[in-house]
């Protein structure tokens, strides 16, 4: 359910520029702006397991 668009690439570029080129990121579907709060919450919940996995492995 993830879309790896320009923001994913930009995130990796910024992380590298800030000295953390191996930063692990979780991608949330775009867009978040202009959608209903329940849809934002659903997208957040959809990546919860990915976030927990990054924190624990």
C-alpha atoms as a PDB file:
ATOM      1  CA  UNK A   1       0.000   0.000   0.000  1.00  0.00           C
ATOM      2  CA  UNK A   2       2.984   2.308  -0.183  1.00  0.00           C
ATOM      3  CA  UNK A   3       3.774   4.689  -2.985  1.00  0.00           C
ATOM      4  CA  UNK A   4       7.482   5.467  -3.237  1.00  0.00           C
ATOM      5  CA  UNK A   5       7.277   8.772  -5.008  1.00  0.00           C
ATOM      6  CA  UNK A   6       9.395  11.869  -4.919  1.00  0.00           C
ATOM      7  CA  UNK A   7       9.091  12.309  -1.189  1.00  0.00           C
ATOM      8  CA  UNK A   8      10.757   8.969  -0.489  1.00  0.00           C
ATOM      9  CA  UNK A   9      13.694   9.919  -2.691  1.00  0.00           C
ATOM     10  CA  UNK A  10      13.857  13.392  -1.120  1.00  0.00           C
ATOM     11  CA  UNK A  11      13.816  11.875   2.361  1.00  0.00           C
ATOM     12  CA  UNK A  12      16.782   9.655   1.546  1.00  0.00           C
ATOM     13  CA  UNK A  13      18.667  12.584   0.004  1.00  0.00           C
ATOM     14  CA  UNK A  14      18.037  14.759   3.074  1.00  0.00           C
ATOM     15  CA  UNK A  15      19.069  11.960   5.426  1.00  0.00           C
ATOM     16  CA  UNK A  16      22.329  11.524   3.525  1.00  0.00           C
ATOM     17  CA  UNK A  17      22.965  15.277   3.527  1.00  0.00           C
ATOM     18  CA  UNK A  18      22.415  15.310   7.295  1.00  0.00           C
ATOM     19  CA  UNK A  19      24.934  12.527   7.833  1.00  0.00           C
ATOM     20  CA  UNK A  20      22.580   9.579   8.250  1.00  0.00           C
ATOM     21  CA  UNK A  21      22.652   7.933   4.823  1.00  0.00           C
ATOM     22  CA  UNK A  22      21.460   4.622   6.263  1.00  0.00           C
ATOM     23  CA  UNK A  23      18.359   6.096   7.889  1.00  0.00           C
ATOM     24  CA  UNK A  24      15.444   3.714   7.815  1.00  0.00           C
ATOM     25  CA  UNK A  25      12.153   5.279   6.796  1.00  0.00           C
ATOM     26  CA  UNK A  26       8.533   4.265   6.551  1.00  0.00           C
ATOM     27  CA  UNK A  27       6.565   5.461   3.552  1.00  0.00           C
ATOM     28  CA  UNK A  28       2.969   6.633   3.937  1.00  0.00           C
ATOM     29  CA  UNK A  29       0.748   6.921   0.878  1.00  0.00           C
ATOM     30  CA  UNK A  30       0.520  10.381  -0.632  1.00  0.00           C
ATOM     31  CA  UNK A  31      -1.314  12.704  -0.342  1.00  0.00           C
ATOM     32  CA  UNK A  32      -2.163  13.352   3.278  1.00  0.00           C
ATOM     33  CA  UNK A  33      -3.348  16.899   2.736  1.00  0.00           C
ATOM     34  CA  UNK A  34      -6.909  17.396   1.634  1.00  0.00           C
ATOM     35  CA  UNK A  35      -8.209  14.035   2.834  1.00  0.00           C
ATOM     36  CA  UNK A  36     -10.553  13.296   5.704  1.00  0.00           C
ATOM     37  CA  UNK A  37      -9.065  12.821   9.191  1.00  0.00           C
ATOM     38  CA  UNK A  38     -10.272   9.204   9.240  1.00  0.00           C
ATOM     39  CA  UNK A  39      -8.341   8.520   6.039  1.00  0.00           C
ATOM     40  CA  UNK A  40      -5.177  10.031   7.556  1.00  0.00           C
ATOM     41  CA  UNK A  41      -5.641   7.841  10.623  1.00  0.00           C
ATOM     42  CA  UNK A  42      -6.140   4.762   8.446  1.00  0.00           C
ATOM     43  CA  UNK A  43      -2.895   5.477   6.612  1.00  0.00           C
ATOM     44  CA  UNK A  44      -1.065   5.928   9.901  1.00  0.00           C
ATOM     45  CA  UNK A  45      -2.408   2.625  11.206  1.00  0.00           C
ATOM     46  CA  UNK A  46      -1.433   0.913   7.960  1.00  0.00           C
ATOM     47  CA  UNK A  47       2.269   1.532   8.659  1.00  0.00           C
ATOM     48  CA  UNK A  48       2.217   0.856  12.403  1.00  0.00           C
ATOM     49  CA  UNK A  49       3.773  -2.599  12.037  1.00  0.00           C
ATOM     50  CA  UNK A  50       6.495  -1.186   9.781  1.00  0.00           C
ATOM     51  CA  UNK A  51       7.349   1.501  12.357  1.00  0.00           C
ATOM     52  CA  UNK A  52       7.447  -1.015  15.191  1.00  0.00           C
ATOM     53  CA  UNK A  53       9.680  -3.313  13.139  1.00  0.00           C
ATOM     54  CA  UNK A  54      12.133  -0.450  12.510  1.00  0.00           C
ATOM     55  CA  UNK A  55      12.237   0.356  16.228  1.00  0.00           C
ATOM     56  CA  UNK A  56      12.763  -3.234  17.331  1.00  0.00           C
ATOM     57  CA  UNK A  57      15.113  -4.742  14.747  1.00  0.00           C
END
